[in-house]
Amino acid sequence: MATAHQYRVFLDTNVLINEYAWRSHFKRNRESQAAHEAYHFLKQRGFRLYAATFAVLQFVSSLVKFAKVAHDEVENEVMRLTQHLSLVHLTRDDLLDGLSLKNPDVEDAVQYALCRKVRCQYLITANTADFVNMPGVVVVHPSKIRAIFALN
């Protein structure tokens, strides 16, 4: 059986945003609670976490635009996130790989391409329906993390 640090887990943008929403009390609901619990579960158990650089940019944009977070706090959040995440850079080939999937949600298709690029076994997202017909990666809703890894 593989140990937690051998698993590679890719986090969708919505997980980053929802995790912050729960922690900051900006928007507390089931989705944000599930993202918060999944993120901390994975982090505490030493899973290797990945996210797209553009996902972090979207996260920052959401903090500024919708949550009206101060610049200093945004910087602190970026520092906090990048301590635990390996950022995956988007190249032209990655973009073309994502587009070749002909998925209606181009952003999710590109995230899937990046997930495969860094050989992640799991992709965590609140929008699992957006990742159908994308083989080779187990797509998991944040609320299902504990069940998937059978670690309570």
Protein backbone atom coordinates (compact mmCIF):
# COMPACT_ATOMS: atom_id res chain seq x y z
CA MET A 1 0.00 0.00 0.00
CA ALA A 2 1.31 3.47 -0.90
CA THR A 3 1.94 6.01 1.80
CA ALA A 4 0.27 9.42 1.75
CA HIS A 5 3.40 11.26 0.61
CA GLN A 6 3.52 9.07 -2.50
CA TYR A 7 0.10 10.26 -3.66
CA ARG A 8 -0.07 13.26 -5.96
CA VAL A 9 -3.26 15.29 -5.63
CA PHE A 10 -4.28 18.14 -7.92
CA LEU A 11 -6.60 20.80 -6.48
CA ASP A 12 -9.14 22.56 -8.67
CA THR A 13 -9.55 26.32 -8.31
CA ASN A 14 -12.88 25.93 -6.49
CA VAL A 15 -11.17 23.97 -3.71
CA LEU A 16 -8.72 26.82 -3.08
CA ILE A 17 -11.49 29.43 -3.05
CA ASN A 18 -13.90 27.39 -0.94
CA GLU A 19 -11.21 26.49 1.60
CA TYR A 20 -10.48 30.18 2.14
CA ALA A 21 -14.20 31.02 2.25
CA TRP A 22 -14.70 28.60 5.16
CA ARG A 23 -11.58 29.62 7.06
CA SER A 24 -12.21 33.35 6.73
CA HIS A 25 -15.96 33.10 7.48
CA PHE A 26 -16.57 34.79 4.11
CA LYS A 27 -18.95 32.09 2.91
CA ARG A 28 -19.62 29.15 5.15
CA ASN A 29 -21.61 26.39 3.50
CA ARG A 30 -21.25 22.65 2.84
CA GLU A 31 -18.95 23.17 -0.14
CA SER A 32 -16.58 25.47 1.71
CA GLN A 33 -16.54 23.21 4.78
CA ALA A 34 -15.80 20.14 2.64
CA ALA A 35 -12.96 21.96 0.84
CA HIS A 36 -11.50 23.15 4.14
CA GLU A 37 -11.61 19.68 5.69
CA ALA A 38 -10.22 17.98 2.57
CA TYR A 39 -7.35 20.46 2.19
CA HIS A 40 -6.28 20.13 5.80
CA PHE A 41 -6.71 16.35 5.80
CA LEU A 42 -4.43 16.03 2.76
CA LYS A 43 -1.92 18.56 4.04
CA GLN A 44 -1.68 17.06 7.52
CA ARG A 45 -1.15 13.57 6.14
CA GLY A 46 1.62 14.61 3.81
CA PHE A 47 0.00 14.23 0.41
CA ARG A 48 1.82 15.99 -2.43
CA LEU A 49 -0.50 18.82 -3.46
CA TYR A 50 -0.51 20.57 -6.83
CA ALA A 51 -2.47 23.42 -8.40
CA ALA A 52 -2.27 25.39 -11.61
CA THR A 53 -0.59 28.78 -11.41
CA PHE A 54 -3.66 30.26 -13.07
CA ALA A 55 -5.82 28.70 -10.32
CA VAL A 56 -3.86 30.66 -7.74
CA LEU A 57 -4.33 33.80 -9.86
CA GLN A 58 -8.09 33.13 -9.99
CA PHE A 59 -8.04 32.57 -6.23
CA VAL A 60 -6.30 35.93 -5.69
CA SER A 61 -8.70 37.65 -8.07
CA SER A 62 -11.68 36.22 -6.16
CA LEU A 63 -10.27 37.45 -2.86
CA VAL A 64 -9.85 40.97 -4.18
CA LYS A 65 -12.98 41.19 -6.34
CA PHE A 66 -15.61 39.37 -4.31
CA ALA A 67 -14.33 39.11 -0.75
CA LYS A 68 -12.76 42.61 -0.82
CA VAL A 69 -9.68 41.27 1.00
CA ALA A 70 -6.91 43.75 1.79
CA HIS A 71 -3.68 43.54 -0.19
CA ASP A 72 -1.61 42.43 2.83
CA GLU A 73 -3.98 39.55 3.56
CA VAL A 74 -3.92 38.50 -0.09
CA GLU A 75 -0.12 38.36 0.06
CA ASN A 76 -0.31 36.31 3.26
CA GLU A 77 -2.74 33.88 1.61
CA VAL A 78 -0.47 33.42 -1.40
CA MET A 79 2.48 32.73 0.93
CA ARG A 80 0.38 30.26 2.95
CA LEU A 81 -0.82 28.41 -0.14
CA THR A 82 2.54 28.21 -1.86
CA GLN A 83 4.12 26.65 1.24
CA HIS A 84 1.97 23.56 0.74
CA LEU A 85 1.32 23.51 -3.01
CA SER A 86 3.54 22.82 -5.95
CA LEU A 87 2.47 25.18 -8.71
CA VAL A 88 2.08 23.80 -12.21
CA HIS A 89 2.82 26.24 -15.01
CA LEU A 90 0.71 26.33 -18.13
CA THR A 91 2.48 25.97 -21.47
CA ARG A 92 1.20 26.18 -25.02
CA ASP A 93 1.28 22.36 -25.28
CA ASP A 94 -0.77 22.04 -22.07
CA LEU A 95 -3.35 24.44 -23.45
CA LEU A 96 -3.56 22.50 -26.72
CA ASP A 97 -3.76 19.22 -24.80
CA GLY A 98 -6.70 20.57 -22.80
CA LEU A 99 -8.43 21.93 -25.89
CA SER A 100 -8.05 18.58 -27.67
CA LEU A 101 -10.35 17.02 -25.07
CA LYS A 102 -13.25 19.04 -26.49
CA ASN A 103 -14.70 19.43 -23.01
CA PRO A 104 -17.28 22.25 -22.80
CA ASP A 105 -15.44 23.65 -19.76
CA VAL A 106 -12.06 24.57 -21.24
CA GLU A 107 -10.61 25.67 -17.90
CA ASP A 108 -11.35 22.29 -16.33
CA ALA A 109 -9.97 20.47 -19.36
CA VAL A 110 -6.73 22.41 -19.06
CA GLN A 111 -6.54 21.71 -15.33
CA TYR A 112 -6.99 18.03 -16.15
CA ALA A 113 -4.16 18.25 -18.69
CA LEU A 114 -1.93 19.83 -16.03
CA CYS A 115 -2.96 17.17 -13.55
CA ARG A 116 -1.81 14.47 -15.97
CA LYS A 117 1.36 16.41 -16.77
CA VAL A 118 2.57 16.13 -13.16
CA ARG A 119 1.26 12.55 -12.87
CA CYS A 120 -1.33 13.20 -10.18
CA GLN A 121 -3.47 10.21 -9.33
CA TYR A 122 -6.32 12.34 -7.92
CA LEU A 123 -8.05 15.58 -8.86
CA ILE A 124 -10.14 17.21 -6.14
CA THR A 125 -13.02 19.40 -7.29
CA ALA A 126 -16.48 20.47 -6.20
CA ASN A 127 -17.57 20.12 -9.85
CA THR A 128 -16.99 16.43 -10.52
CA ALA A 129 -19.47 16.46 -13.42
CA ASP A 130 -17.09 18.74 -15.34
CA PHE A 131 -14.46 15.98 -15.41
CA VAL A 132 -16.32 13.08 -17.03
CA ASN A 133 -14.54 11.10 -19.76
CA MET A 134 -11.13 12.14 -18.50
CA PRO A 135 -9.34 8.82 -17.84
CA GLY A 136 -6.26 8.13 -15.80
CA VAL A 137 -7.16 10.36 -12.88
CA VAL A 138 -9.60 9.71 -10.05
CA VAL A 139 -11.87 12.74 -9.71
CA VAL A 140 -13.08 13.22 -6.15
CA HIS A 141 -15.43 15.66 -4.46
CA PRO A 142 -13.81 17.21 -1.34
CA SER A 143 -16.47 15.64 0.88
CA LYS A 144 -15.34 12.15 -0.22
CA ILE A 145 -11.63 12.46 0.65
CA ARG A 146 -11.75 10.52 3.92
CA ALA A 147 -13.77 7.72 2.34
CA ILE A 148 -11.42 7.45 -0.63
CA PHE A 149 -8.36 7.05 1.55
CA ALA A 150 -10.14 5.12 4.31
CA LEU A 151 -8.32 7.13 6.94
CA ASN A 152 -10.62 8.40 9.66
